[in-house]
PDB file of all heavy atoms in Angstrom:
ATOM      1  N   ALA A   1      90.034 100.221 126.192  1.00  0.00           N
ATOM      2  CA  ALA A   1      91.488 100.289 126.285  1.00  0.00           C
ATOM      3  C   ALA A   1      91.993 101.592 125.683  1.00  0.00           C
ATOM      4  O   ALA A   1      91.283 102.302 125.001  1.00  0.00           O
ATOM      5  CB  ALA A   1      92.116  99.111 125.552  1.00  0.00           C
ATOM      6  N   GLU A   2      93.269 101.873 125.901  1.00  0.00           N
ATOM      7  CA  GLU A   2      93.851 103.074 125.338  1.00  0.00           C
ATOM      8  C   GLU A   2      94.055 102.906 123.832  1.00  0.00           C
ATOM      9  O   GLU A   2      94.037 101.815 123.305  1.00  0.00           O
ATOM     10  CB  GLU A   2      95.185 103.372 126.030  1.00  0.00           C
ATOM     11  CG  GLU A   2      96.193 102.240 125.945  1.00  0.00           C
ATOM     12  CD  GLU A   2      97.398 102.502 126.805  1.00  0.00           C
ATOM     13  OE1 GLU A   2      97.198 102.891 127.971  1.00  0.00           O
ATOM     14  OE2 GLU A   2      98.511 102.311 126.315  1.00  0.00           O
ATOM     15  N   THR A   3      94.238 104.030 123.167  1.00  0.00           N
ATOM     16  CA  THR A   3      94.332 104.049 121.710  1.00  0.00           C
ATOM     17  C   THR A   3      95.485 103.187 121.212  1.00  0.00           C
ATOM     18  O   THR A   3      96.576 103.186 121.769  1.00  0.00           O
ATOM     19  CB  THR A   3      94.533 105.495 121.227  1.00  0.00           C
ATOM     20  OG1 THR A   3      93.423 106.266 121.657  1.00  0.00           O
ATOM     21  CG2 THR A   3      94.647 105.541 119.712  1.00  0.00           C
ATOM     22  N   LEU A   4      95.211 102.455 120.119  1.00  0.00           N
ATOM     23  CA  LEU A   4      96.207 101.600 119.490  1.00  0.00           C
ATOM     24  C   LEU A   4      96.680 102.236 118.199  1.00  0.00           C
ATOM     25  O   LEU A   4      95.893 102.794 117.461  1.00  0.00           O
ATOM     26  CB  LEU A   4      95.590 100.232 119.174  1.00  0.00           C
ATOM     27  CG  LEU A   4      96.470  99.201 118.457  1.00  0.00           C
ATOM     28  CD1 LEU A   4      97.492  98.637 119.425  1.00  0.00           C
ATOM     29  CD2 LEU A   4      95.618  98.077 117.885  1.00  0.00           C
ATOM     30  N   SER A   5      97.966 102.163 117.926  1.00  0.00           N
ATOM     31  CA  SER A   5      98.494 102.700 116.672  1.00  0.00           C
ATOM     32  C   SER A   5      97.872 101.974 115.501  1.00  0.00           C
ATOM     33  O   SER A   5      97.860 100.750 115.464  1.00  0.00           O
ATOM     34  CB  SER A   5     100.018 102.517 116.630  1.00  0.00           C
ATOM     35  OG  SER A   5     100.500 102.783 115.333  1.00  0.00           O
ATOM     36  N   PRO A   6      97.337 102.693 114.504  1.00  0.00           N
ATOM     37  CA  PRO A   6      96.674 102.055 113.377  1.00  0.00           C
ATOM     38  C   PRO A   6      97.609 101.299 112.470  1.00  0.00           C
ATOM     39  O   PRO A   6      97.161 100.534 111.635  1.00  0.00           O
ATOM     40  CB  PRO A   6      96.049 103.243 112.635  1.00  0.00           C
ATOM     41  CG  PRO A   6      96.878 104.413 113.014  1.00  0.00           C
ATOM     42  CD  PRO A   6      97.310 104.161 114.419  1.00  0.00           C
ATOM     43  N   SER A   7      98.916 101.497 112.598  1.00  0.00           N
ATOM     44  CA  SER A   7      99.860 100.785 111.747  1.00  0.00           C
ATOM     45  C   SER A   7     100.126  99.379 112.259  1.00  0.00           C
ATOM     46  O   SER A   7     100.812  98.601 111.624  1.00  0.00           O
ATOM     47  CB  SER A   7     101.189 101.556 111.673  1.00  0.00           C
ATOM     48  OG  SER A   7     101.795 101.614 112.951  1.00  0.00           O
ATOM     49  N   ARG A   8      99.548  99.027 113.434  1.00  0.00           N
ATOM     50  CA  ARG A   8      99.825  97.732 114.037  1.00  0.00           C
ATOM     51  C   ARG A   8      98.571  96.882 114.041  1.00  0.00           C
ATOM     52  O   ARG A   8      97.482  97.357 114.346  1.00  0.00           O
ATOM     53  CB  ARG A   8     100.327  97.953 115.472  1.00  0.00           C
ATOM     54  CG  ARG A   8     101.003  96.741 116.071  1.00  0.00           C
ATOM     55  CD  ARG A   8     101.563  97.085 117.429  1.00  0.00           C
ATOM     56  NE  ARG A   8     100.505  97.463 118.370  1.00  0.00           N
ATOM     57  CZ  ARG A   8     100.736  97.921 119.579  1.00  0.00           C
ATOM     58  NH1 ARG A   8     101.967  98.125 119.982  1.00  0.00           N
ATOM     59  NH2 ARG A   8      99.740  98.223 120.387  1.00  0.00           N
ATOM     60  N   SER A   9      98.703  95.603 113.696  1.00  0.00           N
ATOM     61  CA  SER A   9      97.553  94.707 113.672  1.00  0.00           C
ATOM     62  C   SER A   9      97.136  94.340 115.086  1.00  0.00           C
ATOM     63  O   SER A   9      97.966  94.241 116.001  1.00  0.00           O
ATOM     64  CB  SER A   9      97.901  93.428 112.913  1.00  0.00           C
ATOM     65  OG  SER A   9      98.159  93.710 111.566  1.00  0.00           O
ATOM     66  N   LEU A  10      95.841  94.125 115.284  1.00  0.00           N
ATOM     67  CA  LEU A  10      95.353  93.661 116.571  1.00  0.00           C
ATOM     68  C   LEU A  10      95.760  92.206 116.774  1.00  0.00           C
ATOM     69  O   LEU A  10      95.599  91.391 115.886  1.00  0.00           O
ATOM     70  CB  LEU A  10      93.827  93.768 116.614  1.00  0.00           C
ATOM     71  CG  LEU A  10      93.252  95.184 116.538  1.00  0.00           C
ATOM     72  CD1 LEU A  10      91.741  95.114 116.496  1.00  0.00           C
ATOM     73  CD2 LEU A  10      93.711  96.011 117.717  1.00  0.00           C
ATOM     74  N   GLN A  11      96.280  91.859 117.917  1.00  0.00           N
ATOM     75  CA  GLN A  11      96.725  90.501 118.171  1.00  0.00           C
ATOM     76  C   GLN A  11      96.339  90.097 119.586  1.00  0.00           C
ATOM     77  O   GLN A  11      96.908  90.567 120.555  1.00  0.00           O
ATOM     78  CB  GLN A  11      98.251  90.405 117.973  1.00  0.00           C
ATOM     79  CG  GLN A  11      98.794  88.997 118.074  1.00  0.00           C
ATOM     80  CD  GLN A  11      98.409  88.168 116.872  1.00  0.00           C
ATOM     81  OE1 GLN A  11      98.233  88.685 115.787  1.00  0.00           O
ATOM     82  NE2 GLN A  11      98.259  86.879 117.068  1.00  0.00           N
ATOM     83  N   ASP A  12      95.318  89.235 119.689  1.00  0.00           N
ATOM     84  CA  ASP A  12      94.902  88.695 120.973  1.00  0.00           C
ATOM     85  C   ASP A  12      94.580  89.812 121.967  1.00  0.00           C
ATOM     86  O   ASP A  12      95.060  89.832 123.091  1.00  0.00           O
ATOM     87  CB  ASP A  12      96.004  87.784 121.533  1.00  0.00           C
ATOM     88  CG  ASP A  12      95.459  86.869 122.625  1.00  0.00           C
ATOM     89  OD1 ASP A  12      94.274  86.508 122.555  1.00  0.00           O
ATOM     90  OD2 ASP A  12      96.220  86.527 123.547  1.00  0.00           O
ATOM     91  N   SER A  13      93.755  90.784 121.553  1.00  0.00           N
ATOM     92  CA  SER A  13      93.423  91.925 122.401  1.00  0.00           C
ATOM     93  C   SER A  13      92.266  91.584 123.334  1.00  0.00           C
ATOM     94  O   SER A  13      91.177  91.248 122.877  1.00  0.00           O
ATOM     95  CB  SER A  13      93.045  93.124 121.528  1.00  0.00           C
ATOM     96  OG  SER A  13      94.124  93.441 120.671  1.00  0.00           O
ATOM     97  N   PRO A  14      92.435  91.671 124.676  1.00  0.00           N
ATOM     98  CA  PRO A  14      91.384  91.301 125.616  1.00  0.00           C
ATOM     99  C   PRO A  14      90.381  92.416 125.867  1.00  0.00           C
ATOM    100  O   PRO A  14      89.383  92.206 126.531  1.00  0.00           O
ATOM    101  CB  PRO A  14      92.175  90.981 126.893  1.00  0.00           C
ATOM    102  CG  PRO A  14      93.348  91.909 126.814  1.00  0.00           C
ATOM    103  CD  PRO A  14      93.689  92.027 125.363  1.00  0.00           C
ATOM    104  N   GLN A  15      90.669  93.622 125.360  1.00  0.00           N
ATOM    105  CA  GLN A  15      89.813  94.755 125.658  1.00  0.00           C
ATOM    106  C   GLN A  15      89.404  95.460 124.383  1.00  0.00           C
ATOM    107  O   GLN A  15      89.951  95.224 123.309  1.00  0.00           O
ATOM    108  CB  GLN A  15      90.549  95.740 126.573  1.00  0.00           C
ATOM    109  CG  GLN A  15      90.836  95.194 127.967  1.00  0.00           C
ATOM    110  CD  GLN A  15      91.569  96.212 128.799  1.00  0.00           C
ATOM    111  OE1 GLN A  15      92.632  96.687 128.419  1.00  0.00           O
ATOM    112  NE2 GLN A  15      90.992  96.570 129.930  1.00  0.00           N
ATOM    113  N   VAL A  16      88.438  96.367 124.543  1.00  0.00           N
ATOM    114  CA  VAL A  16      88.061  97.224 123.431  1.00  0.00           C
ATOM    115  C   VAL A  16      89.259  98.079 123.038  1.00  0.00           C
ATOM    116  O   VAL A  16      90.021  98.525 123.891  1.00  0.00           O
ATOM    117  CB  VAL A  16      86.879  98.134 123.842  1.00  0.00           C
ATOM    118  CG1 VAL A  16      86.701  99.271 122.846  1.00  0.00           C
ATOM    119  CG2 VAL A  16      85.602  97.317 123.946  1.00  0.00           C
ATOM    120  N   GLN A  17      89.440  98.270 121.725  1.00  0.00           N
ATOM    121  CA  GLN A  17      90.520  99.118 121.239  1.00  0.00           C
ATOM    122  C   GLN A  17      89.926 100.363 120.587  1.00  0.00           C
ATOM    123  O   GLN A  17      88.937 100.290 119.858  1.00  0.00           O
ATOM    124  CB  GLN A  17      91.368  98.359 120.216  1.00  0.00           C
ATOM    125  CG  GLN A  17      91.999  97.079 120.745  1.00  0.00           C
ATOM    126  CD  GLN A  17      93.093  97.348 121.772  1.00  0.00           C
ATOM    127  OE1 GLN A  17      93.662  98.443 121.797  1.00  0.00           O
ATOM    128  NE2 GLN A  17      93.369  96.359 122.602  1.00  0.00           N
ATOM    129  N   LEU A  18      90.550 101.504 120.850  1.00  0.00           N
ATOM    130  CA  LEU A  18      90.178 102.756 120.203  1.00  0.00           C
ATOM    131  C   LEU A  18      91.313 103.136 119.259  1.00  0.00           C
ATOM    132  O   LEU A  18      92.439 103.358 119.695  1.00  0.00           O
ATOM    133  CB  LEU A  18      89.953 103.858 121.230  1.00  0.00           C
ATOM    134  CG  LEU A  18      88.773 103.651 122.199  1.00  0.00           C
ATOM    135  CD1 LEU A  18      88.698 104.814 123.167  1.00  0.00           C
ATOM    136  CD2 LEU A  18      87.479 103.488 121.423  1.00  0.00           C
ATOM    137  N   ILE A  19      91.009 103.197 117.970  1.00  0.00           N
ATOM    138  CA  ILE A  19      92.024 103.457 116.956  1.00  0.00           C
ATOM    139  C   ILE A  19      91.728 104.785 116.274  1.00  0.00           C
ATOM    140  O   ILE A  19      90.650 104.974 115.714  1.00  0.00           O
ATOM    141  CB  ILE A  19      92.071 102.332 115.910  1.00  0.00           C
ATOM    142  CG1 ILE A  19      92.313 100.981 116.603  1.00  0.00           C
ATOM    143  CG2 ILE A  19      93.126 102.609 114.855  1.00  0.00           C
ATOM    144  CD1 ILE A  19      92.248  99.806 115.657  1.00  0.00           C
ATOM    145  N   THR A  20      92.685 105.688 116.336  1.00  0.00           N
ATOM    146  CA  THR A  20      92.538 106.975 115.660  1.00  0.00           C
ATOM    147  C   THR A  20      93.069 106.847 114.237  1.00  0.00           C
ATOM    148  O   THR A  20      94.206 106.435 114.023  1.00  0.00           O
ATOM    149  CB  THR A  20      93.306 108.076 116.401  1.00  0.00           C
ATOM    150  OG1 THR A  20      92.804 108.180 117.742  1.00  0.00           O
ATOM    151  CG2 THR A  20      93.139 109.418 115.699  1.00  0.00           C
ATOM    152  N   ILE A  21      92.232 107.197 113.265  1.00  0.00           N
ATOM    153  CA  ILE A  21      92.576 107.024 111.859  1.00  0.00           C
ATOM    154  C   ILE A  21      93.549 108.109 111.393  1.00  0.00           C
ATOM    155  O   ILE A  21      93.321 109.296 111.598  1.00  0.00           O
ATOM    156  CB  ILE A  21      91.299 107.054 110.988  1.00  0.00           C
ATOM    157  CG1 ILE A  21      90.366 105.911 111.406  1.00  0.00           C
ATOM    158  CG2 ILE A  21      91.642 106.952 109.506  1.00  0.00           C
ATOM    159  CD1 ILE A  21      90.984 104.528 111.315  1.00  0.00           C
ATOM    160  N   SER A  22      94.636 107.656 110.778  1.00  0.00           N
ATOM    161  CA  SER A  22      95.630 108.587 110.236  1.00  0.00           C
ATOM    162  C   SER A  22      95.285 108.909 108.789  1.00  0.00           C
ATOM    163  O   SER A  22      94.328 108.373 108.226  1.00  0.00           O
ATOM    164  CB  SER A  22      97.024 107.945 110.300  1.00  0.00           C
ATOM    165  OG  SER A  22      97.109 106.895 109.352  1.00  0.00           O
ATOM    166  N   ASP A  23      96.096 109.753 108.189  1.00  0.00           N
ATOM    167  CA  ASP A  23      95.849 110.082 106.781  1.00  0.00           C
ATOM    168  C   ASP A  23      96.021 108.871 105.885  1.00  0.00           C
ATOM    169  O   ASP A  23      95.442 108.787 104.810  1.00  0.00           O
ATOM    170  CB  ASP A  23      96.770 111.218 106.314  1.00  0.00           C
ATOM    171  CG  ASP A  23      98.236 110.842 106.397  1.00  0.00           C
ATOM    172  OD1 ASP A  23      98.586 109.930 107.165  1.00  0.00           O
ATOM    173  OD2 ASP A  23      99.045 111.466 105.685  1.00  0.00           O
ATOM    174  N   GLU A  24      96.825 107.871 106.332  1.00  0.00           N
ATOM    175  CA  GLU A  24      97.027 106.674 105.523  1.00  0.00           C
ATOM    176  C   GLU A  24      95.800 105.767 105.517  1.00  0.00           C
ATOM    177  O   GLU A  24      95.561 105.039 104.561  1.00  0.00           O
ATOM    178  CB  GLU A  24      98.229 105.879 106.044  1.00  0.00           C
ATOM    179  CG  GLU A  24      99.557 106.532 105.751  1.00  0.00           C
ATOM    180  CD  GLU A  24      99.715 106.877 104.286  1.00  0.00           C
ATOM    181  OE1 GLU A  24      99.527 105.988 103.439  1.00  0.00           O
ATOM    182  OE2 GLU A  24      99.977 108.045 103.974  1.00  0.00           O
ATOM    183  N   GLU A  25      95.028 105.780 106.602  1.00  0.00           N
ATOM    184  CA  GLU A  25      93.803 104.973 106.648  1.00  0.00           C
ATOM    185  C   GLU A  25      92.623 105.694 106.007  1.00  0.00           C
ATOM    186  O   GLU A  25      91.628 105.066 105.652  1.00  0.00           O
ATOM    187  CB  GLU A  25      93.438 104.629 108.102  1.00  0.00           C
ATOM    188  CG  GLU A  25      94.054 103.327 108.620  1.00  0.00           C
ATOM    189  CD  GLU A  25      95.554 103.398 108.780  1.00  0.00           C
ATOM    190  OE1 GLU A  25      96.075 104.492 109.048  1.00  0.00           O
ATOM    191  OE2 GLU A  25      96.209 102.359 108.630  1.00  0.00           O
ATOM    192  N   SER A  26      92.722 106.997 105.864  1.00  0.00           N
ATOM    193  CA  SER A  26      91.621 107.789 105.336  1.00  0.00           C
ATOM    194  C   SER A  26      91.218 107.321 103.947  1.00  0.00           C
ATOM    195  O   SER A  26      92.061 107.037 103.106  1.00  0.00           O
ATOM    196  CB  SER A  26      92.028 109.263 105.277  1.00  0.00           C
ATOM    197  OG  SER A  26      90.987 110.058 104.768  1.00  0.00           O
ATOM    198  N   GLY A  27      89.910 107.219 103.720  1.00  0.00           N
ATOM    199  CA  GLY A  27      89.395 106.797 102.426  1.00  0.00           C
ATOM    200  C   GLY A  27      89.032 105.336 102.345  1.00  0.00           C
ATOM    201  O   GLY A  27      88.324 104.914 101.431  1.00  0.00           O
ATOM    202  N   GLN A  28      89.498 104.533 103.316  1.00  0.00           N
ATOM    203  CA  GLN A  28      89.170 103.106 103.325  1.00  0.00           C
ATOM    204  C   GLN A  28      87.747 102.872 103.805  1.00  0.00           C
ATOM    205  O   GLN A  28      87.251 103.582 104.682  1.00  0.00           O
ATOM    206  CB  GLN A  28      90.085 102.347 104.286  1.00  0.00           C
ATOM    207  CG  GLN A  28      91.437 102.025 103.796  1.00  0.00           C
ATOM    208  CD  GLN A  28      92.128 101.087 104.747  1.00  0.00           C
ATOM    209  OE1 GLN A  28      92.033  99.874 104.648  1.00  0.00           O
ATOM    210  NE2 GLN A  28      92.836 101.656 105.713  1.00  0.00           N
ATOM    211  N   ARG A  29      87.121 101.840 103.275  1.00  0.00           N
ATOM    212  CA  ARG A  29      85.856 101.395 103.845  1.00  0.00           C
ATOM    213  C   ARG A  29      86.143 100.714 105.178  1.00  0.00           C
ATOM    214  O   ARG A  29      87.176 100.075 105.361  1.00  0.00           O
ATOM    215  CB  ARG A  29      85.153 100.422 102.906  1.00  0.00           C
ATOM    216  CG  ARG A  29      84.333 101.106 101.840  1.00  0.00           C
ATOM    217  CD  ARG A  29      83.667 100.158 100.883  1.00  0.00           C
ATOM    218  NE  ARG A  29      83.095  98.970 101.481  1.00  0.00           N
ATOM    219  CZ  ARG A  29      82.021  98.333 101.013  1.00  0.00           C
ATOM    220  NH1 ARG A  29      81.395  98.794  99.946  1.00  0.00           N
ATOM    221  NH2 ARG A  29      81.568  97.236 101.591  1.00  0.00           N
ATOM    222  N   ILE A  30      85.219 100.852 106.116  1.00  0.00           N
ATOM    223  CA  ILE A  30      85.420 100.296 107.454  1.00  0.00           C
ATOM    224  C   ILE A  30      85.607  98.785 107.433  1.00  0.00           C
ATOM    225  O   ILE A  30      86.410  98.238 108.188  1.00  0.00           O
ATOM    226  CB  ILE A  30      84.244 100.695 108.400  1.00  0.00           C
ATOM    227  CG1 ILE A  30      84.497 100.188 109.820  1.00  0.00           C
ATOM    228  CG2 ILE A  30      82.917 100.200 107.853  1.00  0.00           C
ATOM    229  CD1 ILE A  30      85.674 100.800 110.524  1.00  0.00           C
ATOM    230  N   ASP A  31      84.880  98.075 106.517  1.00  0.00           N
ATOM    231  CA  ASP A  31      85.029  96.614 106.487  1.00  0.00           C
ATOM    232  C   ASP A  31      86.427  96.217 106.039  1.00  0.00           C
ATOM    233  O   ASP A  31      87.049  95.308 106.615  1.00  0.00           O
ATOM    234  CB  ASP A  31      83.956  95.964 105.613  1.00  0.00           C
ATOM    235  CG  ASP A  31      83.876  96.546 104.218  1.00  0.00           C
ATOM    236  OD1 ASP A  31      84.525  97.575 103.944  1.00  0.00           O
ATOM    237  OD2 ASP A  31      83.148  95.966 103.381  1.00  0.00           O
ATOM    238  N   ASN A  32      86.967  96.921 105.042  1.00  0.00           N
ATOM    239  CA  ASN A  32      88.318  96.613 104.578  1.00  0.00           C
ATOM    240  C   ASN A  32      89.362  96.949 105.638  1.00  0.00           C
ATOM    241  O   ASN A  32      90.358  96.233 105.800  1.00  0.00           O
ATOM    242  CB  ASN A  32      88.622  97.369 103.287  1.00  0.00           C
ATOM    243  CG  ASN A  32      87.797  96.866 102.123  1.00  0.00           C
ATOM    244  OD1 ASN A  32      87.445  95.685 102.063  1.00  0.00           O
ATOM    245  ND2 ASN A  32      87.481  97.742 101.188  1.00  0.00           N
ATOM    246  N   PHE A  33      89.130  98.023 106.371  1.00  0.00           N
ATOM    247  CA  PHE A  33      90.040  98.399 107.457  1.00  0.00           C
ATOM    248  C   PHE A  33      90.081  97.312 108.523  1.00  0.00           C
ATOM    249  O   PHE A  33      91.151  96.893 108.977  1.00  0.00           O
ATOM    250  CB  PHE A  33      89.589  99.726 108.051  1.00  0.00           C
ATOM    251  CG  PHE A  33      90.361 100.142 109.277  1.00  0.00           C
ATOM    252  CD1 PHE A  33      91.658 100.621 109.171  1.00  0.00           C
ATOM    253  CD2 PHE A  33      89.788 100.057 110.545  1.00  0.00           C
ATOM    254  CE1 PHE A  33      92.371 101.007 110.297  1.00  0.00           C
ATOM    255  CE2 PHE A  33      90.488 100.443 111.670  1.00  0.00           C
ATOM    256  CZ  PHE A  33      91.788 100.919 111.554  1.00  0.00           C
ATOM    257  N   LEU A  34      88.906  96.816 108.914  1.00  0.00           N
ATOM    258  CA  LEU A  34      88.847  95.775 109.945  1.00  0.00           C
ATOM    259  C   LEU A  34      89.470  94.470 109.474  1.00  0.00           C
ATOM    260  O   LEU A  34      90.142  93.773 110.238  1.00  0.00           O
ATOM    261  CB  LEU A  34      87.400  95.544 110.373  1.00  0.00           C
ATOM    262  CG  LEU A  34      86.747  96.706 111.138  1.00  0.00           C
ATOM    263  CD1 LEU A  34      85.264  96.442 111.335  1.00  0.00           C
ATOM    264  CD2 LEU A  34      87.430  96.929 112.480  1.00  0.00           C
ATOM    265  N   LEU A  35      89.241  94.129 108.204  1.00  0.00           N
ATOM    266  CA  LEU A  35      89.834  92.906 107.663  1.00  0.00           C
ATOM    267  C   LEU A  35      91.355  92.982 107.704  1.00  0.00           C
ATOM    268  O   LEU A  35      92.033  91.967 107.913  1.00  0.00           O
ATOM    269  CB  LEU A  35      89.359  92.676 106.228  1.00  0.00           C
ATOM    270  CG  LEU A  35      87.917  92.202 106.079  1.00  0.00           C
ATOM    271  CD1 LEU A  35      87.460  92.318 104.626  1.00  0.00           C
ATOM    272  CD2 LEU A  35      87.759  90.767 106.574  1.00  0.00           C
ATOM    273  N   ARG A  36      91.898  94.191 107.533  1.00  0.00           N
ATOM    274  CA  ARG A  36      93.357  94.338 107.554  1.00  0.00           C
ATOM    275  C   ARG A  36      93.922  94.249 108.960  1.00  0.00           C
ATOM    276  O   ARG A  36      94.934  93.573 109.196  1.00  0.00           O
ATOM    277  CB  ARG A  36      93.749  95.679 106.919  1.00  0.00           C
ATOM    278  CG  ARG A  36      95.266  95.890 106.867  1.00  0.00           C
ATOM    279  CD  ARG A  36      95.630  97.150 106.118  1.00  0.00           C
ATOM    280  NE  ARG A  36      95.178  98.350 106.808  1.00  0.00           N
ATOM    281  CZ  ARG A  36      95.830  98.926 107.807  1.00  0.00           C
ATOM    282  NH1 ARG A  36      96.941  98.393 108.272  1.00  0.00           N
ATOM    283  NH2 ARG A  36      95.362 100.014 108.369  1.00  0.00           N
ATOM    284  N   ILE A  37      93.288  94.925 109.911  1.00  0.00           N
ATOM    285  CA  ILE A  37      93.873  94.949 111.253  1.00  0.00           C
ATOM    286  C   ILE A  37      93.524  93.713 112.077  1.00  0.00           C
ATOM    287  O   ILE A  37      94.215  93.386 113.029  1.00  0.00           O
ATOM    288  CB  ILE A  37      93.456  96.223 112.025  1.00  0.00           C
ATOM    289  CG1 ILE A  37      91.956  96.224 112.317  1.00  0.00           C
ATOM    290  CG2 ILE A  37      93.899  97.467 111.297  1.00  0.00           C
ATOM    291  CD1 ILE A  37      91.557  97.286 113.310  1.00  0.00           C
TER     292      ILE A  37
END
């Protein structure tokens, strides 16, 4: 699927999502990032 804004949580997404990390997401561990979105 097309890129999803990282400030928005995934909700019932039927396709693969590509998320570009902003400066606000930078520094997070990937597991914590996924748990949040």
